[in-house]
Each structure stands twice: as C-alpha cells, then as structure tokens.
C-alpha cells in the first residue's frame, strides 16, 4: 500500500486550496497552467503558502492542462511540458512529508460538450502518463460532472498503473448528478471502477457540501474526500466574488469529518487562510468508521397517470403510421403553414413533427404552433426539444409547460450548433445532450424533477 493510503488509515489529511483564484487576483492574463512555464516562481509561492498554512497534500497546477482547454491559448503542443514543469515546481516547494497529487480535470464540464469518449481518454492518458513519469504520489481526478467519463478514465488508469487514485465528482445540486443519478450511488460506482478515495469538489460551498455528505455512506474499500468552494458564487459590483468566510469554512470542516471525510481541502475561492482554519479545526480529530446516513426524501409519484388517447408509440407498434415533418415559419405570416396543416389533417395523417429552430435558425415557437394544432385539428403534434437553447432550468420549465398544454409526444434533440445558423454569435447551452434530456423526461413521468422534488402528478411524455 502507498504511504498516502497508509496515512489515511488512521489520520485526517488536509489538502491545499485554489491556485487559479490567487493567480487571477494577481492579474492573471492567460490560463493558470501556462504559469508553470512562464512564471514558475509564482506557482511555487502559492504551493509554499498552502504548506505553511498546514496542508499535508498539494496538487499540481494542471487542472485545465489538457489538449482541448489549452488549444484556445495556442498551448495544445505544450501539454507534456506544462505537466513536467508543474510536478517539478511542486517538488521544489514540498517538504519531505508533503504528498503531491497530479491533478487532472474533466473534459465534460457543466455543459455537455460533444466530445467522443475515446478522444477524451486518449488525451487524458497523456496527462496521466506524464504526471506519473514525473513522480507524483497519486492522481487527483477532480471536477468531473460526467460519471461515465470519470469511471472510464479510472479503469484505464488502473489497468496500467499501481498508484493511488482520488476521484471527485461535481454535482449541480446537493443530492443528484446532472443525469439524475444519486450522488451516493454514483460514488459507489466510482469506487467499483477502482478509485481509492472518492468524493465531491467544486460548485458548492461548505454548507451545501455538508448536506450532500449527510446522505453519503462510508464506502467499502475506499475513503471519502471533500474540496468545497469557498461559498456559492455571487456577483457584487459586476464582479464575481466568493464570501469571505474562512472561519466558517473551518467550522464546517469539523462537521464534514464527522460525516466520514478523511481528506479535506478547498476548491474555487479558497485561500491559505481557509486551509489554516481547516487545519486548526481538524488537527485533533480522528477518522470515523461508522455514521448515520440520512436517506434522501423521495417522491414515488402518483399511482395513476393522466389519461391519454392512444399514443404514437402504440400506433407504430400496431399499424403503419404516417408522420410528416413541417417546420414553423421564420416570420409571422402563418397562413401557408396552417393551410398545409389543414391538408395534412384532411389526409388523416397520424402526427406532424415540429422541429425546434432547426439548423440553428430562428422560427416561430414549435410549442405555440403545437398548441394551436392540438386545439383546432385532429393531428397529434410531435414536438422537438433541443438542448442547445435552454439550460437545465429552462428545459424543465419547458417540459412542465408542454405537459400543462397536453402535448405529450416529444423528440429530444441535442441540437445543431449555433455557428451553422444565421446567428453565429449566439451561444450554445448544452447543459445536457439528448440522452440526458430523455432521462429528465423519464423522471418527470415518475413525478419528480432532477432535484428529486415532487411534481405532484406524473407527466405522460412519449
């Protein structure tokens, strides 16, 4: 067993905090990882400040040092150089008893980027190989929003290397990942994939992290870790800001230890002051080997679903079915559109499928058109929902509205990127892809949203 894991058997270990936060506060004008080459002295000073504050563990300044994230800065050809430099800086700053973790950040962030998993694995393995060759004590996978990405990378790493793996997911709320998986269940899958230490980091401050860990079981064969943000992100005078709450951070650290956490550090917004308060709060504590887990309050939904006439899925299974796609107009002259709807109605087709701003082009809302069709014609509207134009809040609100209008036939679409349309400056959202949106709709059919809150009835989406 490695010295790091052996140390965690009977001890609480304190990790460092944010690096990027400090660099940005000092006028960073490029990506933080570039400073490993251009300003190694500044990175080393941050490492030493965390060690002086009481950190037992520091992480390399390589969170965003992958091919995709370095490309906008013209540094994609410097991936290995940046990693080797980062480890060397950390080694020079470390004490003899300081552990150094090689940090690898997830590719798929809050937004669901359409990156092939094979490509992600290829580029991530280059980072891992370089960090291990440079001599780190363990690999820290942090800020992974996508469970599939994380477990795939862990398995690939375990097949090649015998090194401690710390794997941390990031959740959009306190109980569930963005695909609806309970955090506790997700962490069990991460342990099963081969991680030695599992936990959460980023997005939430200490208070909400403590809420999350109250629902997390002590894993078999692994330890728990937690790296909260300094607080929830706020905006003050048009500037993003974290709360100045280092003392409070230290108090919650003690609660997190009581929830089973053995490795605790900080993420965005944290500073050496936060780590100093953590160290002071937990230095006399010992790891817990059992805890009371608070079950997540669940809503199982109504036993009866709203009544609905035969849906399209049933029709397709039992007889030939005719479905016609008809795009809504790009303007407000709808006479031709509804004349064509009337012709289709007279022809007794089964459904008309309505795209959602197809080809990233602005059109009349397909929901508005579907509502009129449903009221005035005997055709079932099949409404497309794209993930391009709405975040998780907007998508769920959209689904609620569709259900209220009695529009139950939907087709989830990831969506054409905005750059191919007439408004190339428009932003893409992609909080989820079509698969993720389908999972959300299925949860709505069970009577619960992505937070696990009750809808007080079930939707009937097909």
Protein backbone atom coordinates (compact mmCIF):
# COMPACT_ATOMS: atom_id res chain seq x y z
CA UNK A 1 0.00 0.00 0.00
CA UNK A 2 1.21 3.53 -0.76
CA UNK A 3 2.31 5.85 2.03
CA UNK A 4 -0.61 8.16 1.23
CA UNK A 5 -3.27 5.48 1.67
CA UNK A 6 -1.47 4.06 4.69
CA UNK A 7 -1.52 7.51 6.30
CA UNK A 8 -5.27 7.84 5.71
CA UNK A 9 -5.95 4.62 7.61
CA UNK A 10 -5.76 6.40 10.93
CA UNK A 11 -5.49 10.10 10.12
CA UNK A 12 -7.28 13.09 8.67
CA UNK A 13 -5.25 14.74 5.93
CA UNK A 14 -5.62 18.37 4.88
CA UNK A 15 -5.13 19.31 1.24
CA UNK A 16 -4.49 22.69 -0.33
CA UNK A 17 -6.94 25.16 -1.87
CA UNK A 18 -7.36 27.01 -5.13
CA UNK A 19 -4.43 28.06 -7.29
CA UNK A 20 -6.31 29.81 -10.09
CA UNK A 21 -8.19 32.04 -7.63
CA UNK A 22 -4.95 33.50 -6.32
CA UNK A 23 -3.40 33.89 -9.76
CA UNK A 24 -6.50 35.67 -11.09
CA UNK A 25 -6.46 38.01 -8.09
CA UNK A 26 -2.90 38.93 -9.04
CA UNK A 27 -3.76 39.81 -12.63
CA UNK A 28 -3.51 36.50 -14.49
CA UNK A 29 -3.77 37.23 -18.23
CA UNK A 30 -3.73 33.68 -19.63
CA UNK A 31 -4.68 30.20 -18.45
CA UNK A 32 -3.33 29.37 -14.96
CA UNK A 33 -1.49 26.29 -16.24
CA UNK A 34 0.69 28.40 -18.55
CA UNK A 35 2.32 29.91 -15.46
CA UNK A 36 4.09 26.59 -14.85
CA UNK A 37 6.35 27.60 -17.74
CA UNK A 38 6.21 31.39 -17.74
CA UNK A 39 6.01 32.19 -14.01
CA UNK A 40 7.09 29.09 -12.03
CA UNK A 41 8.09 31.26 -9.07
CA UNK A 42 4.51 32.46 -8.59
CA UNK A 43 3.13 28.91 -8.66
CA UNK A 44 5.81 27.75 -6.21
CA UNK A 45 4.97 30.60 -3.85
CA UNK A 46 1.31 29.51 -3.78
CA UNK A 47 2.30 25.90 -3.05
CA UNK A 48 4.51 27.02 -0.17
CA UNK A 49 1.80 29.27 1.25
CA UNK A 50 -0.56 26.29 1.48
CA UNK A 51 2.10 24.11 3.09
CA UNK A 52 2.81 26.88 5.60
CA UNK A 53 -0.94 27.02 6.32
CA UNK A 54 -0.90 23.34 7.27
CA UNK A 55 -1.60 21.41 4.06
CA UNK A 56 -0.38 17.81 4.11
CA UNK A 57 -1.12 17.48 0.40
CA UNK A 58 -0.64 19.83 -2.54
CA UNK A 59 -1.86 19.35 -6.08
CA UNK A 60 -0.09 20.25 -9.30
CA UNK A 61 -1.23 23.28 -11.26
CA UNK A 62 -2.58 21.14 -14.10
CA UNK A 63 -6.36 21.13 -13.68
CA UNK A 64 -7.04 22.55 -17.16
CA UNK A 65 -3.83 21.40 -18.84
CA UNK A 66 -5.48 19.14 -21.38
CA UNK A 67 -5.41 19.44 -25.15
CA UNK A 68 -8.87 20.99 -25.53
CA UNK A 69 -8.53 23.59 -22.78
CA UNK A 70 -5.03 24.65 -23.83
CA UNK A 71 -5.98 24.97 -27.50
CA UNK A 72 -7.64 28.43 -27.22
CA UNK A 73 -4.36 29.75 -25.80
CA UNK A 74 -2.22 28.16 -28.53
CA UNK A 75 -0.63 25.84 -25.98
CA UNK A 76 -2.00 22.46 -27.06
CA UNK A 77 1.51 21.38 -28.15
CA UNK A 78 2.81 22.12 -24.62
CA UNK A 79 0.72 19.56 -22.71
CA UNK A 80 3.66 17.43 -21.55
CA UNK A 81 5.94 20.40 -20.90
CA UNK A 82 3.32 22.02 -18.67
CA UNK A 83 2.80 18.82 -16.68
CA UNK A 84 6.50 18.11 -16.18
CA UNK A 85 7.06 21.70 -15.09
CA UNK A 86 4.11 21.56 -12.69
CA UNK A 87 5.42 18.47 -10.90
CA UNK A 88 8.92 19.90 -10.65
CA UNK A 89 7.56 23.14 -9.13
CA UNK A 90 5.52 21.17 -6.59
CA UNK A 91 8.52 19.02 -5.65
CA UNK A 92 10.69 22.06 -5.04
CA UNK A 93 8.02 23.63 -2.83
CA UNK A 94 7.15 20.48 -0.87
CA UNK A 95 8.51 19.38 2.47
CA UNK A 96 9.76 15.83 2.97
CA UNK A 97 6.38 14.75 4.35
CA UNK A 98 4.23 16.58 1.78
CA UNK A 99 2.26 14.42 -0.65
CA UNK A 100 1.97 15.66 -4.25
CA UNK A 101 -1.12 14.82 -6.29
CA UNK A 102 -1.12 15.14 -10.06
CA UNK A 103 -4.33 16.93 -10.96
CA UNK A 104 -6.45 16.00 -13.97
CA UNK A 105 -9.67 17.90 -14.67
CA UNK A 106 -12.68 16.58 -16.52
CA UNK A 107 -13.30 17.42 -20.17
CA UNK A 108 -17.07 17.42 -19.94
CA UNK A 109 -17.94 20.38 -17.77
CA UNK A 110 -21.24 21.91 -16.72
CA UNK A 111 -22.20 21.97 -20.36
CA UNK A 112 -22.38 18.64 -22.18
CA UNK A 113 -19.67 19.04 -24.80
CA UNK A 114 -19.97 16.64 -27.71
CA UNK A 115 -16.55 15.06 -27.28
CA UNK A 116 -16.07 11.41 -28.14
CA UNK A 117 -15.15 9.40 -25.06
CA UNK A 118 -12.33 7.70 -26.96
CA UNK A 119 -10.78 11.10 -27.71
CA UNK A 120 -11.17 12.21 -24.10
CA UNK A 121 -9.50 9.01 -22.91
CA UNK A 122 -6.61 9.41 -25.34
CA UNK A 123 -5.77 12.96 -24.25
CA UNK A 124 -6.32 12.23 -20.55
CA UNK A 125 -3.96 9.25 -20.65
CA UNK A 126 -1.22 11.54 -21.98
CA UNK A 127 -1.66 13.72 -18.89
CA UNK A 128 -1.67 10.75 -16.52
CA UNK A 129 1.39 9.14 -18.11
CA UNK A 130 3.33 12.41 -17.85
CA UNK A 131 2.35 13.07 -14.23
CA UNK A 132 3.30 9.56 -13.12
CA UNK A 133 6.57 9.67 -15.05
CA UNK A 134 7.35 12.98 -13.30
CA UNK A 135 6.91 11.32 -9.90
CA UNK A 136 3.61 12.29 -8.27
CA UNK A 137 2.31 10.40 -5.22
CA UNK A 138 -1.19 9.98 -6.61
CA UNK A 139 -3.60 11.12 -9.31
CA UNK A 140 -6.43 13.50 -8.44
CA UNK A 141 -9.34 13.44 -10.87
CA UNK A 142 -11.39 16.50 -9.95
CA UNK A 143 -14.45 18.41 -11.12
CA UNK A 144 -15.98 15.57 -13.12
CA UNK A 145 -19.61 16.29 -13.96
CA UNK A 146 -19.90 13.22 -16.16
CA UNK A 147 -19.91 9.86 -14.36
CA UNK A 148 -19.21 7.83 -17.49
CA UNK A 149 -16.12 9.90 -18.28
CA UNK A 150 -14.73 9.52 -14.77
CA UNK A 151 -15.24 5.77 -14.43
CA UNK A 152 -13.83 5.15 -17.91
CA UNK A 153 -10.64 7.08 -17.11
CA UNK A 154 -10.21 5.39 -13.72
CA UNK A 155 -10.49 1.91 -15.23
CA UNK A 156 -7.97 2.79 -17.93
CA UNK A 157 -5.55 4.16 -15.32
CA UNK A 158 -5.87 1.13 -13.04
CA UNK A 159 -5.10 -1.20 -15.94
CA UNK A 160 -1.72 0.46 -16.47
CA UNK A 161 -0.56 1.87 -13.15
CA UNK A 162 -0.41 0.99 -9.47
CA UNK A 163 -0.90 4.43 -7.97
CA UNK A 164 -3.47 5.92 -5.56
CA UNK A 165 -6.46 7.46 -7.32
CA UNK A 166 -8.54 10.22 -5.79
CA UNK A 167 -11.71 10.77 -7.82
CA UNK A 168 -14.09 13.65 -7.22
CA UNK A 169 -17.43 14.27 -8.87
CA UNK A 170 -19.14 17.64 -9.11
CA UNK A 171 -22.90 17.90 -8.71
CA UNK A 172 -25.26 20.68 -9.72
CA UNK A 173 -27.35 20.15 -6.58
CA UNK A 174 -26.82 18.52 -3.22
CA UNK A 175 -28.29 15.09 -3.99
CA UNK A 176 -28.02 14.28 -7.69
CA UNK A 177 -25.65 14.45 -10.63
CA UNK A 178 -26.87 16.23 -13.73
CA UNK A 179 -28.09 12.94 -15.26
CA UNK A 180 -30.30 12.24 -12.23
CA UNK A 181 -28.03 9.67 -10.53
CA UNK A 182 -27.97 9.94 -6.75
CA UNK A 183 -24.55 11.09 -5.54
CA UNK A 184 -24.21 8.17 -3.12
CA UNK A 185 -24.94 5.68 -5.91
CA UNK A 186 -22.53 7.45 -8.23
CA UNK A 187 -19.69 7.34 -5.69
CA UNK A 188 -20.24 3.62 -5.22
CA UNK A 189 -19.78 3.20 -8.97
CA UNK A 190 -16.59 5.27 -8.82
CA UNK A 191 -15.23 3.00 -6.06
CA UNK A 192 -16.15 -0.05 -8.10
CA UNK A 193 -14.22 1.34 -11.07
CA UNK A 194 -11.05 1.34 -8.95
CA UNK A 195 -10.74 4.65 -7.08
CA UNK A 196 -9.09 4.58 -3.65
CA UNK A 197 -10.55 7.88 -2.42
CA UNK A 198 -13.86 9.28 -3.69
CA UNK A 199 -15.75 12.44 -3.01
CA UNK A 200 -17.02 15.79 -4.22
CA UNK A 201 -15.45 19.08 -5.15
CA UNK A 202 -16.41 22.47 -6.58
CA UNK A 203 -19.77 24.12 -7.39
CA UNK A 204 -20.97 24.17 -3.75
CA UNK A 205 -19.73 25.86 -0.61
CA UNK A 206 -19.11 24.09 2.72
CA UNK A 207 -22.74 24.26 3.93
CA UNK A 208 -24.20 22.52 0.87
CA UNK A 209 -21.32 20.04 0.79
CA UNK A 210 -22.14 19.04 4.36
CA UNK A 211 -25.74 18.46 3.27
CA UNK A 212 -24.54 16.22 0.44
CA UNK A 213 -22.28 14.15 2.69
CA UNK A 214 -25.08 13.60 5.21
CA UNK A 215 -26.62 11.32 2.53
CA UNK A 216 -23.37 9.55 1.58
CA UNK A 217 -22.43 6.17 3.01
CA UNK A 218 -18.91 5.25 4.06
CA UNK A 219 -17.62 3.34 1.03
CA UNK A 220 -16.27 -0.19 1.29
CA UNK A 221 -12.58 -0.31 0.43
CA UNK A 222 -12.17 3.43 -0.10
CA UNK A 223 -12.06 6.75 1.76
CA UNK A 224 -14.09 9.95 1.38
CA UNK A 225 -12.74 13.33 0.27
CA UNK A 226 -14.27 16.78 0.02
CA UNK A 227 -12.97 20.01 -1.57
CA UNK A 228 -15.75 22.65 -1.26
CA UNK A 229 -15.70 26.05 -2.89
CA UNK A 230 -15.28 28.99 -0.52
CA UNK A 231 -19.02 29.64 -0.90
CA UNK A 232 -21.65 29.87 -3.58
CA UNK A 233 -20.54 32.29 -6.28
CA UNK A 234 -22.07 35.76 -6.01
CA UNK A 235 -21.96 38.93 -8.10
CA UNK A 236 -21.02 42.22 -6.49
CA UNK A 237 -20.46 45.43 -8.46
CA UNK A 238 -20.49 43.40 -11.69
CA UNK A 239 -17.68 41.22 -10.33
CA UNK A 240 -17.84 37.53 -9.46
CA UNK A 241 -17.00 37.05 -5.80
CA UNK A 242 -16.86 34.38 -3.10
CA UNK A 243 -17.79 35.10 0.51
CA UNK A 244 -15.04 35.98 2.96
CA UNK A 245 -15.83 33.16 5.37
CA UNK A 246 -12.61 31.33 6.21
CA UNK A 247 -13.54 30.91 9.89
CA UNK A 248 -16.93 29.42 8.99
CA UNK A 249 -15.20 27.13 6.49
CA UNK A 250 -13.14 25.73 9.35
CA UNK A 251 -16.23 25.06 11.49
CA UNK A 252 -17.97 23.13 8.72
CA UNK A 253 -14.77 21.15 8.12
CA UNK A 254 -15.27 19.53 11.53
CA UNK A 255 -18.82 18.54 10.53
CA UNK A 256 -17.53 17.04 7.29
CA UNK A 257 -15.06 14.90 9.24
CA UNK A 258 -17.99 13.65 11.32
CA UNK A 259 -19.68 12.70 8.04
CA UNK A 260 -16.76 10.41 7.21
CA UNK A 261 -14.47 12.66 5.20
CA UNK A 262 -10.77 11.85 5.68
CA UNK A 263 -9.21 14.06 3.02
CA UNK A 264 -10.37 17.68 3.05
CA UNK A 265 -9.20 20.67 1.06
CA UNK A 266 -10.62 23.60 -0.84
CA UNK A 267 -11.63 24.45 -4.39
CA UNK A 268 -12.60 27.72 -6.11
CA UNK A 269 -12.29 30.83 -3.98
CA UNK A 270 -10.34 29.18 -1.17
CA UNK A 271 -7.02 30.56 0.02
CA UNK A 272 -4.29 29.62 2.52
CA UNK A 273 -6.42 31.28 5.19
CA UNK A 274 -9.20 28.74 4.58
CA UNK A 275 -6.72 25.88 4.82
CA UNK A 276 -5.30 27.30 8.03
CA UNK A 277 -8.77 27.29 9.62
CA UNK A 278 -9.40 23.74 8.39
CA UNK A 279 -6.12 22.55 9.88
CA UNK A 280 -6.91 24.18 13.21
CA UNK A 281 -10.39 22.60 13.29
CA UNK A 282 -9.47 19.03 12.37
CA UNK A 283 -5.93 18.59 13.73
CA UNK A 284 -7.14 16.78 16.87
CA UNK A 285 -9.84 14.71 15.14
CA UNK A 286 -9.67 11.07 14.13
CA UNK A 287 -11.48 9.43 11.22
CA UNK A 288 -14.92 8.00 11.86
CA UNK A 289 -15.57 4.38 10.96
CA UNK A 290 -19.35 4.50 11.17
CA UNK A 291 -22.00 7.17 10.72
CA UNK A 292 -25.73 7.72 10.47
CA UNK A 293 -26.78 8.26 6.88
CA UNK A 294 -29.83 10.45 6.32
CA UNK A 295 -31.89 8.96 3.48
CA UNK A 296 -32.93 11.30 0.69
CA UNK A 297 -36.63 12.06 0.86
CA UNK A 298 -38.08 10.58 -2.29
CA UNK A 299 -41.35 11.07 -4.05
CA UNK A 300 -42.56 7.94 -5.77
CA UNK A 301 -45.27 9.64 -7.80
CA UNK A 302 -48.98 9.05 -8.14
CA UNK A 303 -50.10 5.52 -8.86
CA UNK A 304 -52.30 6.77 -11.70
CA UNK A 305 -51.02 8.62 -14.73
CA UNK A 306 -53.14 11.18 -16.55
CA UNK A 307 -55.45 9.57 -19.08
CA UNK A 308 -54.42 9.89 -22.70
CA UNK A 309 -55.64 8.57 -26.01
CA UNK A 310 -53.52 6.01 -27.85
CA UNK A 311 -50.04 7.45 -28.22
CA UNK A 312 -47.79 7.40 -31.26
CA UNK A 313 -45.59 4.64 -29.87
CA UNK A 314 -48.59 2.33 -29.58
CA UNK A 315 -49.75 3.22 -33.08
CA UNK A 316 -46.34 2.50 -34.58
CA UNK A 317 -46.29 -0.92 -32.89
CA UNK A 318 -49.67 -1.98 -34.25
CA UNK A 319 -50.15 -0.41 -37.69
CA UNK A 320 -48.48 1.66 -40.41
CA UNK A 321 -48.13 5.21 -39.19
CA UNK A 322 -47.70 8.42 -41.17
CA UNK A 323 -45.73 11.25 -39.58
CA UNK A 324 -44.90 14.40 -41.55
CA UNK A 325 -42.28 16.99 -40.60
CA UNK A 326 -43.29 20.60 -41.15
CA UNK A 327 -41.12 23.47 -39.96
CA UNK A 328 -42.77 26.50 -38.44
CA UNK A 329 -42.26 29.78 -40.37
CA UNK A 330 -39.33 32.15 -39.91
CA UNK A 331 -41.84 35.03 -39.90
CA UNK A 332 -45.33 35.83 -38.61
CA UNK A 333 -47.23 35.11 -41.83
CA UNK A 334 -48.64 31.72 -40.82
CA UNK A 335 -51.38 31.35 -43.45
CA UNK A 336 -49.44 28.90 -45.65
CA UNK A 337 -48.26 26.90 -42.65
CA UNK A 338 -51.76 26.31 -41.31
CA UNK A 339 -53.18 25.67 -44.81
CA UNK A 340 -50.65 22.86 -45.06
CA UNK A 341 -51.65 21.63 -41.60
CA UNK A 342 -55.28 21.57 -42.83
CA UNK A 343 -54.28 19.49 -45.86
CA UNK A 344 -52.44 17.04 -43.64
CA UNK A 345 -55.44 16.88 -41.33
CA UNK A 346 -57.75 16.12 -44.27
CA UNK A 347 -55.32 13.39 -45.36
CA UNK A 348 -55.73 11.77 -41.93
CA UNK A 349 -52.03 11.53 -41.11
CA UNK A 350 -51.16 10.45 -37.59
CA UNK A 351 -48.82 13.23 -36.49
CA UNK A 352 -46.94 16.31 -37.59
CA UNK A 353 -43.42 16.65 -36.23
CA UNK A 354 -42.29 20.20 -35.44
CA UNK A 355 -38.58 21.00 -35.28
CA UNK A 356 -37.15 23.34 -32.64
CA UNK A 357 -35.34 26.12 -34.52
CA UNK A 358 -33.81 23.56 -36.87
CA UNK A 359 -30.39 24.30 -38.38
CA UNK A 360 -29.95 26.90 -35.62
CA UNK A 361 -32.38 29.23 -37.41
CA UNK A 362 -34.96 31.38 -35.62
CA UNK A 363 -38.53 30.22 -36.22
CA UNK A 364 -41.91 30.57 -34.53
CA UNK A 365 -42.02 28.53 -31.34
CA UNK A 366 -42.97 24.96 -32.13
CA UNK A 367 -44.83 24.81 -28.80
CA UNK A 368 -47.08 27.72 -29.82
CA UNK A 369 -47.76 26.04 -33.15
CA UNK A 370 -48.36 22.68 -31.48
CA UNK A 371 -50.87 24.22 -29.07
CA UNK A 372 -52.92 25.67 -31.95
CA UNK A 373 -52.73 22.39 -33.90
CA UNK A 374 -53.92 20.44 -30.87
CA UNK A 375 -56.87 22.78 -30.34
CA UNK A 376 -58.03 23.15 -33.94
CA UNK A 377 -57.05 19.97 -35.78
CA UNK A 378 -57.17 16.23 -35.28
CA UNK A 379 -53.42 15.74 -35.76
CA UNK A 380 -51.09 14.87 -32.92
CA UNK A 381 -48.15 17.31 -32.74
CA UNK A 382 -44.75 15.72 -32.12
CA UNK A 383 -42.63 18.49 -30.61
CA UNK A 384 -38.83 18.52 -30.84
CA UNK A 385 -36.91 19.88 -27.83
CA UNK A 386 -33.32 20.97 -28.41
CA UNK A 387 -30.71 21.14 -25.67
CA UNK A 388 -28.87 23.92 -27.49
CA UNK A 389 -31.09 26.84 -26.43
CA UNK A 390 -32.05 26.08 -22.81
CA UNK A 391 -30.21 25.32 -19.59
CA UNK A 392 -31.38 22.76 -17.03
CA UNK A 393 -33.84 25.26 -15.56
CA UNK A 394 -35.28 26.20 -18.94
CA UNK A 395 -35.57 22.60 -20.13
CA UNK A 396 -37.52 21.52 -17.07
CA UNK A 397 -39.78 24.57 -17.25
CA UNK A 398 -40.33 23.76 -20.93
CA UNK A 399 -41.37 20.19 -20.10
CA UNK A 400 -43.78 21.40 -17.42
CA UNK A 401 -45.37 23.78 -19.91
CA UNK A 402 -45.74 21.07 -22.55
CA UNK A 403 -47.44 18.80 -20.05
CA UNK A 404 -49.80 21.58 -18.99
CA UNK A 405 -50.81 22.08 -22.64
CA UNK A 406 -51.43 18.35 -23.04
CA UNK A 407 -48.58 17.98 -25.52
CA UNK A 408 -47.08 14.60 -24.67
CA UNK A 409 -45.36 13.47 -27.86
CA UNK A 410 -41.79 14.80 -27.76
CA UNK A 411 -38.50 14.15 -29.51
CA UNK A 412 -35.34 15.12 -27.61
CA UNK A 413 -32.61 16.63 -29.78
CA UNK A 414 -29.09 17.70 -28.84
CA UNK A 415 -29.38 20.45 -31.46
CA UNK A 416 -27.33 21.85 -34.30
CA UNK A 417 -24.56 24.18 -33.05
CA UNK A 418 -25.37 27.88 -33.34
CA UNK A 419 -22.40 28.57 -35.60
CA UNK A 420 -24.10 26.88 -38.58
CA UNK A 421 -27.17 29.14 -38.39
CA UNK A 422 -27.90 32.77 -39.21
CA UNK A 423 -26.80 33.97 -35.76
CA UNK A 424 -23.28 32.53 -35.34
CA UNK A 425 -22.68 34.78 -32.32
CA UNK A 426 -25.45 33.04 -30.37
CA UNK A 427 -24.22 30.82 -27.55
CA UNK A 428 -24.78 27.08 -27.22
CA UNK A 429 -26.02 25.86 -23.85
CA UNK A 430 -25.88 22.05 -23.91
CA UNK A 431 -26.18 21.52 -20.15
CA UNK A 432 -27.23 18.03 -21.24
CA UNK A 433 -27.45 16.21 -24.55
CA UNK A 434 -30.47 14.39 -25.99
CA UNK A 435 -29.76 11.32 -23.86
CA UNK A 436 -29.66 13.42 -20.70
CA UNK A 437 -32.88 15.23 -21.63
CA UNK A 438 -34.59 11.88 -22.24
CA UNK A 439 -33.57 10.81 -18.73
CA UNK A 440 -35.07 14.02 -17.33
CA UNK A 441 -38.35 13.39 -19.18
CA UNK A 442 -38.47 9.85 -17.79
CA UNK A 443 -38.04 11.26 -14.27
CA UNK A 444 -40.94 13.64 -14.96
CA UNK A 445 -43.01 10.60 -15.92
CA UNK A 446 -42.25 9.28 -12.42
CA UNK A 447 -43.45 12.55 -10.89
CA UNK A 448 -40.09 14.02 -9.86
CA UNK A 449 -37.67 16.60 -11.26
CA UNK A 450 -33.89 16.45 -11.40
CA UNK A 451 -33.62 17.64 -7.79
CA UNK A 452 -35.90 14.83 -6.63
CA UNK A 453 -38.69 17.31 -5.83
CA UNK A 454 -42.28 16.19 -6.32
CA UNK A 455 -44.23 17.40 -9.35
CA UNK A 456 -47.42 16.30 -7.51
CA UNK A 457 -48.50 14.35 -10.58
CA UNK A 458 -46.81 12.40 -13.32
CA UNK A 459 -46.27 13.62 -16.84
CA UNK A 460 -47.12 11.36 -19.76
CA UNK A 461 -44.34 12.01 -22.24
CA UNK A 462 -43.76 9.55 -25.05
